[in-house]
Amino acid sequence: MTESFSDQEWLSIPDLVRVLGVSQSRVRQLVDDRQLIAIRRDNGPLQVPASFLKDGAPLPELRGTLIVLADDGFTDEQAMRWLLEVDDSLGVPPVQALLAGRKAEVRRVAQALA
């Protein structure tokens, strides 16, 4: 079964410090550099879906996809929702397609959203 936006496993900044083995300032730099995207859920602390990590590091394909979405005018919240919800043309959430090695296809779909 495919997870939706609401039933993802979410990691806080302190969780990311532990999982990635880096400092809090490095985690925030990863977010600033768009290697990760974080949002505030229910006015809480910044959080990142666990699915945005692979092998203990940010999913490498994520950064370029986030840049394409930002260029399309997506806010962080809109980009997050798009990445986590099933996309009809991909048949799965875009982040799952990225994890499956379908980076070019995901970015083509993202560019078409503009």
PDB file of N, CA and C in Angstrom:
ATOM      1  N   MET A   1       0.841  -1.184   0.000  1.00  0.00           N
ATOM      2  CA  MET A   1       0.000   0.000   0.000  1.00  0.00           C
ATOM      3  C   MET A   1       0.881   1.241   0.000  1.00  0.00           C
ATOM      4  N   THR A   2       0.506   2.229  -0.766  1.00  0.00           N
ATOM      5  CA  THR A   2       1.270   3.460  -0.875  1.00  0.00           C
ATOM      6  C   THR A   2       0.917   4.410   0.260  1.00  0.00           C
ATOM      7  N   GLU A   3       1.933   4.975   0.877  1.00  0.00           N
ATOM      8  CA  GLU A   3       1.689   5.931   1.960  1.00  0.00           C
ATOM      9  C   GLU A   3       1.245   7.262   1.383  1.00  0.00           C
ATOM     10  N   SER A   4       0.426   7.969   2.132  1.00  0.00           N
ATOM     11  CA  SER A   4       0.031   9.304   1.731  1.00  0.00           C
ATOM     12  C   SER A   4       0.826  10.318   2.551  1.00  0.00           C
ATOM     13  N   PHE A   5       0.586  11.573   2.243  1.00  0.00           N
ATOM     14  CA  PHE A   5       1.271  12.679   2.909  1.00  0.00           C
ATOM     15  C   PHE A   5       1.172  12.563   4.420  1.00  0.00           C
ATOM     16  N   SER A   6      -0.016  12.237   4.923  1.00  0.00           N
ATOM     17  CA  SER A   6      -0.252  12.263   6.366  1.00  0.00           C
ATOM     18  C   SER A   6       0.316  11.063   7.115  1.00  0.00           C
ATOM     19  N   ASP A   7       0.504   9.919   6.432  1.00  0.00           N
ATOM     20  CA  ASP A   7       0.981   8.766   7.197  1.00  0.00           C
ATOM     21  C   ASP A   7       2.444   8.422   6.909  1.00  0.00           C
ATOM     22  N   GLN A   8       3.216   9.420   6.541  1.00  0.00           N
ATOM     23  CA  GLN A   8       4.660   9.274   6.383  1.00  0.00           C
ATOM     24  C   GLN A   8       5.323   9.188   7.753  1.00  0.00           C
ATOM     25  N   GLU A   9       6.519   8.618   7.796  1.00  0.00           N
ATOM     26  CA  GLU A   9       7.357   8.743   8.982  1.00  0.00           C
ATOM     27  C   GLU A   9       8.107  10.058   8.831  1.00  0.00           C
ATOM     28  N   TRP A  10       7.982  10.925   9.829  1.00  0.00           N
ATOM     29  CA  TRP A  10       8.592  12.257   9.782  1.00  0.00           C
ATOM     30  C   TRP A  10       9.745  12.344  10.775  1.00  0.00           C
ATOM     31  N   LEU A  11      10.797  13.044  10.388  1.00  0.00           N
ATOM     32  CA  LEU A  11      11.967  13.234  11.232  1.00  0.00           C
ATOM     33  C   LEU A  11      12.146  14.714  11.546  1.00  0.00           C
ATOM     34  N   SER A  12      12.363  15.021  12.826  1.00  0.00           N
ATOM     35  CA  SER A  12      12.648  16.397  13.239  1.00  0.00           C
ATOM     36  C   SER A  12      14.127  16.696  12.971  1.00  0.00           C
ATOM     37  N   ILE A  13      14.517  17.936  13.146  1.00  0.00           N
ATOM     38  CA  ILE A  13      15.929  18.309  12.986  1.00  0.00           C
ATOM     39  C   ILE A  13      16.808  17.481  13.935  1.00  0.00           C
ATOM     40  N   PRO A  14      16.456  17.357  15.245  1.00  0.00           N
ATOM     41  CA  PRO A  14      17.275  16.498  16.114  1.00  0.00           C
ATOM     42  C   PRO A  14      17.335  15.040  15.642  1.00  0.00           C
ATOM     43  N   ASP A  15      16.220  14.527  15.097  1.00  0.00           N
ATOM     44  CA  ASP A  15      16.227  13.165  14.545  1.00  0.00           C
ATOM     45  C   ASP A  15      17.226  13.067  13.400  1.00  0.00           C
ATOM     46  N   LEU A  16      17.232  14.085  12.530  1.00  0.00           N
ATOM     47  CA  LEU A  16      18.148  14.089  11.384  1.00  0.00           C
ATOM     48  C   LEU A  16      19.600  14.173  11.831  1.00  0.00           C
ATOM     49  N   VAL A  17      19.866  14.952  12.893  1.00  0.00           N
ATOM     50  CA  VAL A  17      21.221  15.027  13.446  1.00  0.00           C
ATOM     51  C   VAL A  17      21.692  13.616  13.817  1.00  0.00           C
ATOM     52  N   ARG A  18      20.821  12.875  14.479  1.00  0.00           N
ATOM     53  CA  ARG A  18      21.155  11.512  14.907  1.00  0.00           C
ATOM     54  C   ARG A  18      21.303  10.567  13.714  1.00  0.00           C
ATOM     55  N   VAL A  19      20.338  10.581  12.797  1.00  0.00           N
ATOM     56  CA  VAL A  19      20.334   9.653  11.667  1.00  0.00           C
ATOM     57  C   VAL A  19      21.489   9.931  10.699  1.00  0.00           C
ATOM     58  N   LEU A  20      21.730  11.207  10.423  1.00  0.00           N
ATOM     59  CA  LEU A  20      22.770  11.571   9.457  1.00  0.00           C
ATOM     60  C   LEU A  20      24.157  11.644  10.087  1.00  0.00           C
ATOM     61  N   GLY A  21      24.208  11.762  11.416  1.00  0.00           N
ATOM     62  CA  GLY A  21      25.485  11.850  12.094  1.00  0.00           C
ATOM     63  C   GLY A  21      26.216  13.159  11.829  1.00  0.00           C
ATOM     64  N   VAL A  22      25.440  14.236  11.698  1.00  0.00           N
ATOM     65  CA  VAL A  22      26.024  15.565  11.457  1.00  0.00           C
ATOM     66  C   VAL A  22      25.459  16.547  12.475  1.00  0.00           C
ATOM     67  N   SER A  23      25.999  17.762  12.486  1.00  0.00           N
ATOM     68  CA  SER A  23      25.536  18.784  13.423  1.00  0.00           C
ATOM     69  C   SER A  23      24.187  19.355  12.988  1.00  0.00           C
ATOM     70  N   GLN A  24      23.535  20.025  13.939  1.00  0.00           N
ATOM     71  CA  GLN A  24      22.267  20.685  13.624  1.00  0.00           C
ATOM     72  C   GLN A  24      22.467  21.759  12.559  1.00  0.00           C
ATOM     73  N   SER A  25      23.571  22.491  12.623  1.00  0.00           N
ATOM     74  CA  SER A  25      23.814  23.525  11.614  1.00  0.00           C
ATOM     75  C   SER A  25      24.015  22.897  10.231  1.00  0.00           C
ATOM     76  N   ARG A  26      24.620  21.704  10.179  1.00  0.00           N
ATOM     77  CA  ARG A  26      24.787  21.016   8.885  1.00  0.00           C
ATOM     78  C   ARG A  26      23.437  20.566   8.348  1.00  0.00           C
ATOM     79  N   VAL A  27      22.551  20.080   9.202  1.00  0.00           N
ATOM     80  CA  VAL A  27      21.208  19.692   8.761  1.00  0.00           C
ATOM     81  C   VAL A  27      20.491  20.912   8.191  1.00  0.00           C
ATOM     82  N   ARG A  28      20.576  22.036   8.891  1.00  0.00           N
ATOM     83  CA  ARG A  28      19.916  23.252   8.397  1.00  0.00           C
ATOM     84  C   ARG A  28      20.532  23.708   7.067  1.00  0.00           C
ATOM     85  N   GLN A  29      21.834  23.500   6.900  1.00  0.00           N
ATOM     86  CA  GLN A  29      22.491  23.843   5.629  1.00  0.00           C
ATOM     87  C   GLN A  29      21.983  22.940   4.506  1.00  0.00           C
ATOM     88  N   LEU A  30      21.762  21.659   4.795  1.00  0.00           N
ATOM     89  CA  LEU A  30      21.199  20.743   3.801  1.00  0.00           C
ATOM     90  C   LEU A  30      19.824  21.221   3.342  1.00  0.00           C
ATOM     91  N   VAL A  31      19.035  21.743   4.277  1.00  0.00           N
ATOM     92  CA  VAL A  31      17.715  22.282   3.938  1.00  0.00           C
ATOM     93  C   VAL A  31      17.882  23.570   3.122  1.00  0.00           C
ATOM     94  N   ASP A  32      18.766  24.459   3.575  1.00  0.00           N
ATOM     95  CA  ASP A  32      18.996  25.718   2.850  1.00  0.00           C
ATOM     96  C   ASP A  32      19.495  25.468   1.430  1.00  0.00           C
ATOM     97  N   ASP A  33      20.316  24.428   1.259  1.00  0.00           N
ATOM     98  CA  ASP A  33      20.881  24.089  -0.054  1.00  0.00           C
ATOM     99  C   ASP A  33      19.922  23.269  -0.913  1.00  0.00           C
ATOM    100  N   ARG A  34      18.721  22.995  -0.389  1.00  0.00           N
ATOM    101  CA  ARG A  34      17.682  22.232  -1.083  1.00  0.00           C
ATOM    102  C   ARG A  34      18.083  20.788  -1.352  1.00  0.00           C
ATOM    103  N   GLN A  35      19.012  20.271  -0.529  1.00  0.00           N
ATOM    104  CA  GLN A  35      19.300  18.841  -0.592  1.00  0.00           C
ATOM    105  C   GLN A  35      18.229  18.067   0.168  1.00  0.00           C
ATOM    106  N   LEU A  36      17.557  18.769   1.085  1.00  0.00           N
ATOM    107  CA  LEU A  36      16.392  18.266   1.800  1.00  0.00           C
ATOM    108  C   LEU A  36      15.358  19.382   1.816  1.00  0.00           C
ATOM    109  N   ILE A  37      14.128  19.013   2.037  1.00  0.00           N
ATOM    110  CA  ILE A  37      13.058  19.998   2.195  1.00  0.00           C
ATOM    111  C   ILE A  37      12.357  19.683   3.510  1.00  0.00           C
ATOM    112  N   ALA A  38      12.109  20.712   4.282  1.00  0.00           N
ATOM    113  CA  ALA A  38      11.473  20.545   5.593  1.00  0.00           C
ATOM    114  C   ALA A  38      10.279  21.487   5.685  1.00  0.00           C
ATOM    115  N   ILE A  39       9.240  21.025   6.335  1.00  0.00           N
ATOM    116  CA  ILE A  39       8.063  21.870   6.564  1.00  0.00           C
ATOM    117  C   ILE A  39       7.656  21.764   8.026  1.00  0.00           C
ATOM    118  N   ARG A  40       6.850  22.722   8.446  1.00  0.00           N
ATOM    119  CA  ARG A  40       6.253  22.688   9.778  1.00  0.00           C
ATOM    120  C   ARG A  40       4.870  22.065   9.636  1.00  0.00           C
ATOM    121  N   ARG A  41       4.678  20.943  10.284  1.00  0.00           N
ATOM    122  CA  ARG A  41       3.386  20.267  10.262  1.00  0.00           C
ATOM    123  C   ARG A  41       2.619  20.652  11.517  1.00  0.00           C
ATOM    124  N   ASP A  42       1.394  21.079  11.352  1.00  0.00           N
ATOM    125  CA  ASP A  42       0.544  21.466  12.482  1.00  0.00           C
ATOM    126  C   ASP A  42       1.235  22.490  13.379  1.00  0.00           C
ATOM    127  N   ASN A  43       1.921  23.453  12.766  1.00  0.00           N
ATOM    128  CA  ASN A  43       2.635  24.527  13.476  1.00  0.00           C
ATOM    129  C   ASN A  43       3.705  24.012  14.425  1.00  0.00           C
ATOM    130  N   GLY A  44       4.176  22.796  14.187  1.00  0.00           N
ATOM    131  CA  GLY A  44       5.217  22.214  15.031  1.00  0.00           C
ATOM    132  C   GLY A  44       6.603  22.528  14.490  1.00  0.00           C
ATOM    133  N   PRO A  45       7.594  21.777  14.940  1.00  0.00           N
ATOM    134  CA  PRO A  45       8.969  21.998  14.475  1.00  0.00           C
ATOM    135  C   PRO A  45       9.139  21.547  13.021  1.00  0.00           C
ATOM    136  N   LEU A  46      10.203  22.017  12.395  1.00  0.00           N
ATOM    137  CA  LEU A  46      10.502  21.583  11.033  1.00  0.00           C
ATOM    138  C   LEU A  46      10.686  20.071  11.003  1.00  0.00           C
ATOM    139  N   GLN A  47      10.149  19.448   9.950  1.00  0.00           N
ATOM    140  CA  GLN A  47      10.248  17.999   9.812  1.00  0.00           C
ATOM    141  C   GLN A  47      10.490  17.628   8.354  1.00  0.00           C
ATOM    142  N   VAL A  48      11.135  16.480   8.173  1.00  0.00           N
ATOM    143  CA  VAL A  48      11.469  15.937   6.860  1.00  0.00           C
ATOM    144  C   VAL A  48      10.949  14.502   6.811  1.00  0.00           C
ATOM    145  N   PRO A  49      10.339  14.087   5.706  1.00  0.00           N
ATOM    146  CA  PRO A  49       9.930  12.686   5.606  1.00  0.00           C
ATOM    147  C   PRO A  49      11.153  11.760   5.589  1.00  0.00           C
ATOM    148  N   ALA A  50      11.072  10.658   6.292  1.00  0.00           N
ATOM    149  CA  ALA A  50      12.166   9.685   6.306  1.00  0.00           C
ATOM    150  C   ALA A  50      12.437   9.153   4.904  1.00  0.00           C
ATOM    151  N   SER A  51      11.426   9.157   4.047  1.00  0.00           N
ATOM    152  CA  SER A  51      11.597   8.647   2.679  1.00  0.00           C
ATOM    153  C   SER A  51      12.517   9.526   1.834  1.00  0.00           C
ATOM    154  N   PHE A  52      12.896  10.703   2.334  1.00  0.00           N
ATOM    155  CA  PHE A  52      13.814  11.576   1.608  1.00  0.00           C
ATOM    156  C   PHE A  52      15.271  11.226   1.892  1.00  0.00           C
ATOM    157  N   LEU A  53      15.483  10.176   2.686  1.00  0.00           N
ATOM    158  CA  LEU A  53      16.832   9.711   2.990  1.00  0.00           C
ATOM    159  C   LEU A  53      17.043   8.339   2.364  1.00  0.00           C
ATOM    160  N   LYS A  54      18.283   8.094   1.944  1.00  0.00           N
ATOM    161  CA  LYS A  54      18.641   6.789   1.386  1.00  0.00           C
ATOM    162  C   LYS A  54      20.055   6.479   1.842  1.00  0.00           C
ATOM    163  N   ASP A  55      20.235   5.319   2.426  1.00  0.00           N
ATOM    164  CA  ASP A  55      21.553   4.895   2.901  1.00  0.00           C
ATOM    165  C   ASP A  55      22.187   5.915   3.847  1.00  0.00           C
ATOM    166  N   GLY A  56      21.380   6.484   4.747  1.00  0.00           N
ATOM    167  CA  GLY A  56      21.887   7.403   5.752  1.00  0.00           C
ATOM    168  C   GLY A  56      22.284   8.774   5.239  1.00  0.00           C
ATOM    169  N   ALA A  57      21.764   9.167   4.078  1.00  0.00           N
ATOM    170  CA  ALA A  57      22.079  10.476   3.496  1.00  0.00           C
ATOM    171  C   ALA A  57      20.858  10.989   2.737  1.00  0.00           C
ATOM    172  N   PRO A  58      20.828  12.300   2.448  1.00  0.00           N
ATOM    173  CA  PRO A  58      19.723  12.809   1.634  1.00  0.00           C
ATOM    174  C   PRO A  58      19.690  12.099   0.278  1.00  0.00           C
ATOM    175  N   LEU A  59      18.511  11.801  -0.199  1.00  0.00           N
ATOM    176  CA  LEU A  59      18.333  11.185  -1.512  1.00  0.00           C
ATOM    177  C   LEU A  59      18.974  12.094  -2.560  1.00  0.00           C
ATOM    178  N   PRO A  60      20.026  11.636  -3.255  1.00  0.00           N
ATOM    179  CA  PRO A  60      20.762  12.530  -4.162  1.00  0.00           C
ATOM    180  C   PRO A  60      19.896  13.154  -5.269  1.00  0.00           C
ATOM    181  N   GLU A  61      18.907  12.414  -5.744  1.00  0.00           N
ATOM    182  CA  GLU A  61      18.055  12.901  -6.837  1.00  0.00           C
ATOM    183  C   GLU A  61      17.071  13.970  -6.401  1.00  0.00           C
ATOM    184  N   LEU A  62      16.928  14.166  -5.100  1.00  0.00           N
ATOM    185  CA  LEU A  62      15.927  15.091  -4.580  1.00  0.00           C
ATOM    186  C   LEU A  62      16.247  16.545  -4.909  1.00  0.00           C
ATOM    187  N   ARG A  63      17.514  16.945  -4.791  1.00  0.00           N
ATOM    188  CA  ARG A  63      17.884  18.355  -4.936  1.00  0.00           C
ATOM    189  C   ARG A  63      17.463  18.920  -6.300  1.00  0.00           C
ATOM    190  N   GLY A  64      17.808  18.253  -7.364  1.00  0.00           N
ATOM    191  CA  GLY A  64      17.451  18.750  -8.695  1.00  0.00           C
ATOM    192  C   GLY A  64      15.948  18.834  -8.891  1.00  0.00           C
ATOM    193  N   THR A  65      15.240  17.856  -8.349  1.00  0.00           N
ATOM    194  CA  THR A  65      13.779  17.854  -8.448  1.00  0.00           C
ATOM    195  C   THR A  65      13.197  19.029  -7.664  1.00  0.00           C
ATOM    196  N   LEU A  66      13.737  19.306  -6.480  1.00  0.00           N
ATOM    197  CA  LEU A  66      13.273  20.447  -5.686  1.00  0.00           C
ATOM    198  C   LEU A  66      13.532  21.764  -6.410  1.00  0.00           C
ATOM    199  N   ILE A  67      14.656  21.867  -7.099  1.00  0.00           N
ATOM    200  CA  ILE A  67      14.966  23.081  -7.850  1.00  0.00           C
ATOM    201  C   ILE A  67      13.975  23.263  -8.994  1.00  0.00           C
ATOM    202  N   VAL A  68      13.659  22.180  -9.707  1.00  0.00           N
ATOM    203  CA  VAL A  68      12.668  22.255 -10.789  1.00  0.00           C
ATOM    204  C   VAL A  68      11.322  22.718 -10.240  1.00  0.00           C
ATOM    205  N   LEU A  69      10.899  22.145  -9.117  1.00  0.00           N
ATOM    206  CA  LEU A  69       9.610  22.533  -8.529  1.00  0.00           C
ATOM    207  C   LEU A  69       9.626  23.994  -8.084  1.00  0.00           C
ATOM    208  N   ALA A  70      10.728  24.451  -7.484  1.00  0.00           N
ATOM    209  CA  ALA A  70      10.825  25.860  -7.072  1.00  0.00           C
ATOM    210  C   ALA A  70      10.771  26.772  -8.297  1.00  0.00           C
ATOM    211  N   ASP A  71      11.441  26.371  -9.358  1.00  0.00           N
ATOM    212  CA  ASP A  71      11.398  27.158 -10.598  1.00  0.00           C
ATOM    213  C   ASP A  71       9.987  27.212 -11.174  1.00  0.00           C
ATOM    214  N   ASP A  72       9.200  26.162 -10.916  1.00  0.00           N
ATOM    215  CA  ASP A  72       7.800  26.120 -11.356  1.00  0.00           C
ATOM    216  C   ASP A  72       6.896  26.967 -10.459  1.00  0.00           C
ATOM    217  N   GLY A  73       7.459  27.547  -9.377  1.00  0.00           N
ATOM    218  CA  GLY A  73       6.684  28.392  -8.482  1.00  0.00           C
ATOM    219  C   GLY A  73       6.079  27.665  -7.291  1.00  0.00           C
ATOM    220  N   PHE A  74       6.477  26.424  -7.066  1.00  0.00           N
ATOM    221  CA  PHE A  74       5.951  25.664  -5.929  1.00  0.00           C
ATOM    222  C   PHE A  74       6.531  26.198  -4.621  1.00  0.00           C
ATOM    223  N   THR A  75       5.689  26.311  -3.612  1.00  0.00           N
ATOM    224  CA  THR A  75       6.173  26.580  -2.257  1.00  0.00           C
ATOM    225  C   THR A  75       6.744  25.273  -1.714  1.00  0.00           C
ATOM    226  N   ASP A  76       7.433  25.338  -0.587  1.00  0.00           N
ATOM    227  CA  ASP A  76       7.952  24.113   0.025  1.00  0.00           C
ATOM    228  C   ASP A  76       6.816  23.152   0.365  1.00  0.00           C
ATOM    229  N   GLU A  77       5.711  23.682   0.870  1.00  0.00           N
ATOM    230  CA  GLU A  77       4.579  22.828   1.232  1.00  0.00           C
ATOM    231  C   GLU A  77       3.979  22.161  -0.006  1.00  0.00           C
ATOM    232  N   GLN A  78       3.850  22.914  -1.098  1.00  0.00           N
ATOM    233  CA  GLN A  78       3.311  22.340  -2.331  1.00  0.00           C
ATOM    234  C   GLN A  78       4.251  21.286  -2.903  1.00  0.00           C
ATOM    235  N   ALA A  79       5.552  21.569  -2.868  1.00  0.00           N
ATOM    236  CA  ALA A  79       6.541  20.602  -3.360  1.00  0.00           C
ATOM    237  C   ALA A  79       6.493  19.330  -2.522  1.00  0.00           C
ATOM    238  N   MET A  80       6.411  19.490  -1.213  1.00  0.00           N
ATOM    239  CA  MET A  80       6.352  18.334  -0.320  1.00  0.00           C
ATOM    240  C   MET A  80       5.132  17.481  -0.645  1.00  0.00           C
ATOM    241  N   ARG A  81       3.992  18.114  -0.769  1.00  0.00           N
ATOM    242  CA  ARG A  81       2.758  17.377  -1.063  1.00  0.00           C
ATOM    243  C   ARG A  81       2.883  16.646  -2.394  1.00  0.00           C
ATOM    244  N   TRP A  82       3.407  17.328  -3.421  1.00  0.00           N
ATOM    245  CA  TRP A  82       3.544  16.691  -4.734  1.00  0.00           C
ATOM    246  C   TRP A  82       4.477  15.476  -4.657  1.00  0.00           C
ATOM    247  N   LEU A  83       5.565  15.603  -3.951  1.00  0.00           N
ATOM    248  CA  LEU A  83       6.529  14.505  -3.843  1.00  0.00           C
ATOM    249  C   LEU A  83       5.954  13.290  -3.115  1.00  0.00           C
ATOM    250  N   LEU A  84       5.022  13.511  -2.200  1.00  0.00           N
ATOM    251  CA  LEU A  84       4.522  12.431  -1.344  1.00  0.00           C
ATOM    252  C   LEU A  84       3.188  11.835  -1.773  1.00  0.00           C
ATOM    253  N   GLU A  85       2.443  12.546  -2.594  1.00  0.00           N
ATOM    254  CA  GLU A  85       1.141  12.045  -3.034  1.00  0.00           C
ATOM    255  C   GLU A  85       1.302  11.312  -4.368  1.00  0.00           C
ATOM    256  N   VAL A  86       0.467  10.319  -4.631  1.00  0.00           N
ATOM    257  CA  VAL A  86       0.534   9.573  -5.886  1.00  0.00           C
ATOM    258  C   VAL A  86       0.300  10.532  -7.049  1.00  0.00           C
ATOM    259  N   ASP A  87       1.193  10.490  -8.017  1.00  0.00           N
ATOM    260  CA  ASP A  87       1.045  11.266  -9.247  1.00  0.00           C
ATOM    261  C   ASP A  87       0.495  10.325 -10.315  1.00  0.00           C
ATOM    262  N   ASP A  88      -0.612  10.726 -10.963  1.00  0.00           N
ATOM    263  CA  ASP A  88      -1.277   9.849 -11.929  1.00  0.00           C
ATOM    264  C   ASP A  88      -0.356   9.408 -13.057  1.00  0.00           C
ATOM    265  N   SER A  89       0.482  10.308 -13.557  1.00  0.00           N
ATOM    266  CA  SER A  89       1.334   9.944 -14.687  1.00  0.00           C
ATOM    267  C   SER A  89       2.477   9.014 -14.284  1.00  0.00           C
ATOM    268  N   LEU A  90       2.879   9.040 -13.012  1.00  0.00           N
ATOM    269  CA  LEU A  90       3.941   8.158 -12.529  1.00  0.00           C
ATOM    270  C   LEU A  90       3.387   6.860 -11.932  1.00  0.00           C
ATOM    271  N   GLY A  91       2.158   6.920 -11.440  1.00  0.00           N
ATOM    272  CA  GLY A  91       1.529   5.754 -10.822  1.00  0.00           C
ATOM    273  C   GLY A  91       1.921   5.532  -9.373  1.00  0.00           C
ATOM    274  N   VAL A  92       2.852   6.319  -8.878  1.00  0.00           N
ATOM    275  CA  VAL A  92       3.334   6.239  -7.499  1.00  0.00           C
ATOM    276  C   VAL A  92       3.687   7.652  -7.058  1.00  0.00           C
ATOM    277  N   PRO A  93       3.906   7.869  -5.760  1.00  0.00           N
ATOM    278  CA  PRO A  93       4.413   9.181  -5.349  1.00  0.00           C
ATOM    279  C   PRO A  93       5.774   9.442  -6.004  1.00  0.00           C
ATOM    280  N   PRO A  94       6.035  10.662  -6.442  1.00  0.00           N
ATOM    281  CA  PRO A  94       7.318  10.966  -7.083  1.00  0.00           C
ATOM    282  C   PRO A  94       8.537  10.556  -6.267  1.00  0.00           C
ATOM    283  N   VAL A  95       8.484  10.672  -4.938  1.00  0.00           N
ATOM    284  CA  VAL A  95       9.653  10.264  -4.150  1.00  0.00           C
ATOM    285  C   VAL A  95       9.907   8.767  -4.299  1.00  0.00           C
ATOM    286  N   GLN A  96       8.864   7.968  -4.422  1.00  0.00           N
ATOM    287  CA  GLN A  96       9.055   6.530  -4.643  1.00  0.00           C
ATOM    288  C   GLN A  96       9.676   6.280  -6.012  1.00  0.00           C
ATOM    289  N   ALA A  97       9.254   7.060  -7.006  1.00  0.00           N
ATOM    290  CA  ALA A  97       9.842   6.925  -8.345  1.00  0.00           C
ATOM    291  C   ALA A  97      11.325   7.316  -8.305  1.00  0.00           C
ATOM    292  N   LEU A  98      11.670   8.369  -7.548  1.00  0.00           N
ATOM    293  CA  LEU A  98      13.082   8.747  -7.408  1.00  0.00           C
ATOM    294  C   LEU A  98      13.877   7.620  -6.762  1.00  0.00           C
ATOM    295  N   LEU A  99      13.329   7.030  -5.714  1.00  0.00           N
ATOM    296  CA  LEU A  99      14.006   5.922  -5.032  1.00  0.00           C
ATOM    297  C   LEU A  99      14.187   4.713  -5.954  1.00  0.00           C
ATOM    298  N   ALA A 100      13.306   4.584  -6.948  1.00  0.00           N
ATOM    299  CA  ALA A 100      13.365   3.464  -7.892  1.00  0.00           C
ATOM    300  C   ALA A 100      14.254   3.772  -9.099  1.00  0.00           C
ATOM    301  N   GLY A 101      14.910   4.946  -9.091  1.00  0.00           N
ATOM    302  CA  GLY A 101      15.818   5.278 -10.178  1.00  0.00           C
ATOM    303  C   GLY A 101      15.166   5.945 -11.376  1.00  0.00           C
ATOM    304  N   ARG A 102      13.991   6.498 -11.198  1.00  0.00           N
ATOM    305  CA  ARG A 102      13.248   7.120 -12.311  1.00  0.00           C
ATOM    306  C   ARG A 102      13.376   8.644 -12.298  1.00  0.00           C
ATOM    307  N   LYS A 103      14.586   9.142 -12.032  1.00  0.00           N
ATOM    308  CA  LYS A 103      14.837  10.581 -11.880  1.00  0.00           C
ATOM    309  C   LYS A 103      14.415  11.372 -13.120  1.00  0.00           C
ATOM    310  N   ALA A 104      14.821  10.959 -14.306  1.00  0.00           N
ATOM    311  CA  ALA A 104      14.512  11.718 -15.525  1.00  0.00           C
ATOM    312  C   ALA A 104      13.004  11.815 -15.733  1.00  0.00           C
ATOM    313  N   GLU A 105      12.298  10.725 -15.508  1.00  0.00           N
ATOM    314  CA  GLU A 105      10.843  10.725 -15.668  1.00  0.00           C
ATOM    315  C   GLU A 105      10.181  11.665 -14.663  1.00  0.00           C
ATOM    316  N   VAL A 106      10.628  11.620 -13.406  1.00  0.00           N
ATOM    317  CA  VAL A 106      10.066  12.491 -12.366  1.00  0.00           C
ATOM    318  C   VAL A 106      10.292  13.960 -12.738  1.00  0.00           C
ATOM    319  N   ARG A 107      11.486  14.289 -13.195  1.00  0.00           N
ATOM    320  CA  ARG A 107      11.778  15.687 -13.528  1.00  0.00           C
ATOM    321  C   ARG A 107      11.002  16.154 -14.754  1.00  0.00           C
ATOM    322  N   ARG A 108      10.780  15.264 -15.715  1.00  0.00           N
ATOM    323  CA  ARG A 108       9.945  15.635 -16.883  1.00  0.00           C
ATOM    324  C   ARG A 108       8.527  15.966 -16.414  1.00  0.00           C
ATOM    325  N   VAL A 109       7.979  15.135 -15.534  1.00  0.00           N
ATOM    326  CA  VAL A 109       6.641  15.377 -15.007  1.00  0.00           C
ATOM    327  C   VAL A 109       6.620  16.701 -14.223  1.00  0.00           C
ATOM    328  N   ALA A 110       7.644  16.929 -13.408  1.00  0.00           N
ATOM    329  CA  ALA A 110       7.713  18.159 -12.622  1.00  0.00           C
ATOM    330  C   ALA A 110       7.801  19.386 -13.526  1.00  0.00           C
ATOM    331  N   GLN A 111       8.585  19.306 -14.588  1.00  0.00           N
ATOM    332  CA  GLN A 111       8.699  20.448 -15.502  1.00  0.00           C
ATOM    333  C   GLN A 111       7.379  20.729 -16.209  1.00  0.00           C
ATOM    334  N   ALA A 112       6.605  19.707 -16.473  1.00  0.00           N
ATOM    335  CA  ALA A 112       5.321  19.869 -17.155  1.00  0.00           C
ATOM    336  C   ALA A 112       4.279  20.539 -16.264  1.00  0.00           C
ATOM    337  N   LEU A 113       4.544  20.641 -14.955  1.00  0.00           N
ATOM    338  CA  LEU A 113       3.591  21.241 -14.026  1.00  0.00           C
ATOM    339  C   LEU A 113       3.579  22.767 -14.118  1.00  0.00           C
ATOM    340  N   ALA A 114       4.596  23.338 -14.732  1.00  0.00           N
ATOM    341  CA  ALA A 114       4.722  24.805 -14.784  1.00  0.00           C
ATOM    342  C   ALA A 114       3.578  25.445 -15.541  1.00  0.00           C
TER     343      ALA A 114
END
